[in-house]
PDB file of N, CA and C in Angstrom:
ATOM      1  N   MET A   1     110.745  57.531  59.755  1.00  0.00           N
ATOM      2  CA  MET A   1     109.986  58.818  60.327  1.00  0.00           C
ATOM      3  C   MET A   1     109.700  59.847  59.376  1.00  0.00           C
ATOM      4  N   ASN A   2     108.188  60.124  59.427  1.00  0.00           N
ATOM      5  CA  ASN A   2     108.015  61.288  58.935  1.00  0.00           C
ATOM      6  C   ASN A   2     108.695  62.681  58.910  1.00  0.00           C
ATOM      7  N   LEU A   3     108.834  63.453  57.987  1.00  0.00           N
ATOM      8  CA  LEU A   3     109.367  64.908  58.419  1.00  0.00           C
ATOM      9  C   LEU A   3     108.570  65.837  59.452  1.00  0.00           C
ATOM     10  N   LYS A   4     107.455  65.508  59.169  1.00  0.00           N
ATOM     11  CA  LYS A   4     106.164  66.437  59.722  1.00  0.00           C
ATOM     12  C   LYS A   4     106.175  66.047  61.305  1.00  0.00           C
ATOM     13  N   ASP A   5     106.528  64.800  61.667  1.00  0.00           N
ATOM     14  CA  ASP A   5     106.717  64.049  62.886  1.00  0.00           C
ATOM     15  C   ASP A   5     108.145  64.593  63.672  1.00  0.00           C
ATOM     16  N   MET A   6     109.162  64.917  62.916  1.00  0.00           N
ATOM     17  CA  MET A   6     110.249  65.215  63.361  1.00  0.00           C
ATOM     18  C   MET A   6     110.214  66.672  64.191  1.00  0.00           C
ATOM     19  N   ASP A   7     111.061  66.801  65.201  1.00  0.00           N
ATOM     20  CA  ASP A   7     111.381  68.169  65.821  1.00  0.00           C
ATOM     21  C   ASP A   7     111.774  69.081  64.999  1.00  0.00           C
ATOM     22  N   ILE A   8     111.419  70.125  64.732  1.00  0.00           N
ATOM     23  CA  ILE A   8     112.232  71.332  64.014  1.00  0.00           C
ATOM     24  C   ILE A   8     113.504  71.590  63.857  1.00  0.00           C
ATOM     25  N   HIS A   9     114.065  71.175  65.127  1.00  0.00           N
ATOM     26  CA  HIS A   9     115.660  71.396  65.218  1.00  0.00           C
ATOM     27  C   HIS A   9     116.232  70.414  64.679  1.00  0.00           C
ATOM     28  N   TRP A  10     115.371  69.090  64.775  1.00  0.00           N
ATOM     29  CA  TRP A  10     116.524  67.895  64.055  1.00  0.00           C
ATOM     30  C   TRP A  10     116.394  67.927  62.603  1.00  0.00           C
ATOM     31  N   ARG A  11     115.395  68.362  61.855  1.00  0.00           N
ATOM     32  CA  ARG A  11     115.231  68.063  60.586  1.00  0.00           C
ATOM     33  C   ARG A  11     116.190  68.466  59.782  1.00  0.00           C
ATOM     34  N   PRO A  12     116.366  67.777  58.641  1.00  0.00           N
ATOM     35  CA  PRO A  12     117.357  68.162  57.934  1.00  0.00           C
ATOM     36  C   PRO A  12     117.326  69.423  57.070  1.00  0.00           C
ATOM     37  N   GLN A  13     118.626  70.073  57.215  1.00  0.00           N
ATOM     38  CA  GLN A  13     118.562  71.577  56.731  1.00  0.00           C
ATOM     39  C   GLN A  13     118.003  71.690  55.182  1.00  0.00           C
ATOM     40  N   THR A  14     118.400  70.696  54.546  1.00  0.00           N
ATOM     41  CA  THR A  14     117.955  70.784  53.233  1.00  0.00           C
ATOM     42  C   THR A  14     116.566  70.900  53.088  1.00  0.00           C
ATOM     43  N   HIS A  15     115.744  70.320  53.865  1.00  0.00           N
ATOM     44  CA  HIS A  15     114.379  70.591  53.826  1.00  0.00           C
ATOM     45  C   HIS A  15     113.753  71.908  54.385  1.00  0.00           C
ATOM     46  N   MET A  16     114.478  72.477  54.942  1.00  0.00           N
ATOM     47  CA  MET A  16     114.387  73.852  55.409  1.00  0.00           C
ATOM     48  C   MET A  16     114.743  75.071  54.612  1.00  0.00           C
ATOM     49  N   CYS A  17     115.815  75.056  54.236  1.00  0.00           N
ATOM     50  CA  CYS A  17     116.421  76.173  53.213  1.00  0.00           C
ATOM     51  C   CYS A  17     116.945  75.373  52.004  1.00  0.00           C
ATOM     52  N   ILE A  18     116.225  75.658  50.855  1.00  0.00           N
ATOM     53  CA  ILE A  18     116.585  74.985  49.541  1.00  0.00           C
ATOM     54  C   ILE A  18     117.323  75.883  48.792  1.00  0.00           C
ATOM     55  N   PRO A  19     118.854  76.024  49.103  1.00  0.00           N
ATOM     56  CA  PRO A  19     119.472  77.048  48.182  1.00  0.00           C
ATOM     57  C   PRO A  19     119.543  76.726  46.731  1.00  0.00           C
ATOM     58  N   CYS A  20     119.312  75.785  46.299  1.00  0.00           N
ATOM     59  CA  CYS A  20     119.223  75.149  44.976  1.00  0.00           C
ATOM     60  C   CYS A  20     118.146  75.903  44.133  1.00  0.00           C
ATOM     61  N   HIS A  21     116.967  76.171  44.989  1.00  0.00           N
ATOM     62  CA  HIS A  21     115.815  76.671  44.248  1.00  0.00           C
ATOM     63  C   HIS A  21     116.184  78.266  44.029  1.00  0.00           C
ATOM     64  N   VAL A  22     117.004  79.008  44.666  1.00  0.00           N
ATOM     65  CA  VAL A  22     116.955  80.127  44.942  1.00  0.00           C
ATOM     66  C   VAL A  22     118.058  80.434  43.397  1.00  0.00           C
ATOM     67  N   ASN A  23     117.461  81.606  42.672  1.00  0.00           N
ATOM     68  CA  ASN A  23     118.108  82.103  41.480  1.00  0.00           C
ATOM     69  C   ASN A  23     119.033  83.287  41.901  1.00  0.00           C
ATOM     70  N   TYR A  24     120.280  82.548  42.250  1.00  0.00           N
ATOM     71  CA  TYR A  24     121.634  83.654  42.783  1.00  0.00           C
ATOM     72  C   TYR A  24     121.722  84.667  41.548  1.00  0.00           C
ATOM     73  N   THR A  25     121.938  85.966  41.658  1.00  0.00           N
ATOM     74  CA  THR A  25     122.530  86.639  40.657  1.00  0.00           C
ATOM     75  C   THR A  25     124.172  86.698  40.938  1.00  0.00           C
ATOM     76  N   TYR A  26     124.433  87.076  42.077  1.00  0.00           N
ATOM     77  CA  TYR A  26     125.554  87.198  42.532  1.00  0.00           C
ATOM     78  C   TYR A  26     126.307  86.212  43.865  1.00  0.00           C
ATOM     79  N   ILE A  27     127.302  85.443  43.919  1.00  0.00           N
ATOM     80  CA  ILE A  27     127.626  84.377  45.070  1.00  0.00           C
ATOM     81  C   ILE A  27     129.226  85.227  45.291  1.00  0.00           C
ATOM     82  N   ILE A  28     129.567  85.524  46.458  1.00  0.00           N
ATOM     83  CA  ILE A  28     130.717  86.165  46.847  1.00  0.00           C
ATOM     84  C   ILE A  28     131.221  85.573  47.971  1.00  0.00           C
ATOM     85  N   ARG A  29     132.830  85.326  48.259  1.00  0.00           N
ATOM     86  CA  ARG A  29     132.645  84.309  49.489  1.00  0.00           C
ATOM     87  C   ARG A  29     133.442  85.574  50.425  1.00  0.00           C
ATOM     88  N   PHE A  30     133.150  84.934  51.467  1.00  0.00           N
ATOM     89  CA  PHE A  30     133.117  85.767  52.883  1.00  0.00           C
ATOM     90  C   PHE A  30     134.452  86.141  53.276  1.00  0.00           C
ATOM     91  N   ASP A  31     135.533  85.592  52.840  1.00  0.00           N
ATOM     92  CA  ASP A  31     136.952  85.688  52.925  1.00  0.00           C
ATOM     93  C   ASP A  31     137.307  87.317  52.263  1.00  0.00           C
ATOM     94  N   ASN A  32     136.481  87.281  51.257  1.00  0.00           N
ATOM     95  CA  ASN A  32     136.779  88.365  50.322  1.00  0.00           C
ATOM     96  C   ASN A  32     135.714  89.657  50.624  1.00  0.00           C
ATOM     97  N   LEU A  33     134.821  89.553  51.562  1.00  0.00           N
ATOM     98  CA  LEU A  33     133.508  90.187  51.801  1.00  0.00           C
ATOM     99  C   LEU A  33     133.780  91.627  51.444  1.00  0.00           C
ATOM    100  N   VAL A  34     134.586  92.243  51.949  1.00  0.00           N
ATOM    101  CA  VAL A  34     134.540  94.024  51.543  1.00  0.00           C
ATOM    102  C   VAL A  34     135.059  94.230  50.084  1.00  0.00           C
ATOM    103  N   LYS A  35     136.177  93.553  49.713  1.00  0.00           N
ATOM    104  CA  LYS A  35     136.304  93.957  48.170  1.00  0.00           C
ATOM    105  C   LYS A  35     135.482  93.338  47.331  1.00  0.00           C
ATOM    106  N   GLU A  36     134.543  92.217  47.577  1.00  0.00           N
ATOM    107  CA  GLU A  36     133.824  91.586  46.413  1.00  0.00           C
ATOM    108  C   GLU A  36     132.180  92.594  46.832  1.00  0.00           C
ATOM    109  N   SER A  37     132.006  92.938  48.003  1.00  0.00           N
ATOM    110  CA  SER A  37     130.734  93.203  48.215  1.00  0.00           C
ATOM    111  C   SER A  37     130.854  94.764  47.493  1.00  0.00           C
ATOM    112  N   ASN A  38     132.030  95.449  47.524  1.00  0.00           N
ATOM    113  CA  ASN A  38     132.252  96.978  46.664  1.00  0.00           C
ATOM    114  C   ASN A  38     131.936  96.615  45.446  1.00  0.00           C
ATOM    115  N   GLU A  39     132.666  95.338  44.920  1.00  0.00           N
ATOM    116  CA  GLU A  39     132.335  95.389  43.313  1.00  0.00           C
ATOM    117  C   GLU A  39     130.713  94.953  43.157  1.00  0.00           C
ATOM    118  N   VAL A  40     130.189  94.180  43.657  1.00  0.00           N
ATOM    119  CA  VAL A  40     128.748  93.867  43.539  1.00  0.00           C
ATOM    120  C   VAL A  40     127.724  95.202  43.489  1.00  0.00           C
ATOM    121  N   LEU A  41     128.231  96.079  44.621  1.00  0.00           N
ATOM    122  CA  LEU A  41     127.467  97.281  44.572  1.00  0.00           C
ATOM    123  C   LEU A  41     127.616  98.052  43.339  1.00  0.00           C
ATOM    124  N   GLY A  42     128.762  98.137  42.935  1.00  0.00           N
ATOM    125  CA  GLY A  42     129.273  98.866  41.815  1.00  0.00           C
ATOM    126  C   GLY A  42     128.450  98.112  40.329  1.00  0.00           C
ATOM    127  N   TRP A  43     128.440  96.886  40.348  1.00  0.00           N
ATOM    128  CA  TRP A  43     127.400  96.273  39.343  1.00  0.00           C
ATOM    129  C   TRP A  43     126.092  96.769  39.485  1.00  0.00           C
ATOM    130  N   ILE A  44     125.783  96.614  40.637  1.00  0.00           N
ATOM    131  CA  ILE A  44     124.159  97.005  40.759  1.00  0.00           C
ATOM    132  C   ILE A  44     123.788  98.505  40.702  1.00  0.00           C
ATOM    133  N   GLN A  45     124.676  99.319  40.949  1.00  0.00           N
ATOM    134  CA  GLN A  45     124.562 100.760  40.378  1.00  0.00           C
ATOM    135  C   GLN A  45     124.629 100.953  39.076  1.00  0.00           C
ATOM    136  N   GLN A  46     125.237 100.404  38.234  1.00  0.00           N
ATOM    137  CA  GLN A  46     125.538 100.219  36.854  1.00  0.00           C
ATOM    138  C   GLN A  46     123.997  99.898  36.111  1.00  0.00           C
ATOM    139  N   GLU A  47     123.536  98.709  36.672  1.00  0.00           N
ATOM    140  CA  GLU A  47     122.076  98.187  36.251  1.00  0.00           C
ATOM    141  C   GLU A  47     121.029  98.814  36.218  1.00  0.00           C
ATOM    142  N   GLN A  48     121.029  99.704  37.335  1.00  0.00           N
ATOM    143  CA  GLN A  48     120.014 100.807  37.361  1.00  0.00           C
ATOM    144  C   GLN A  48     119.960 101.975  36.620  1.00  0.00           C
TER     145      GLN A  48
END
């Protein structure tokens, strides 16, 4: 079956969201969201 013919809700996520094509600067873990987000905000402020 062609992807164009598939219902959008049943298409593989890899065809809708392509994380490998995003150039990430920071990746943080959700378990440590508060701690790590404060660190990232500190890095961003230093870069400006």
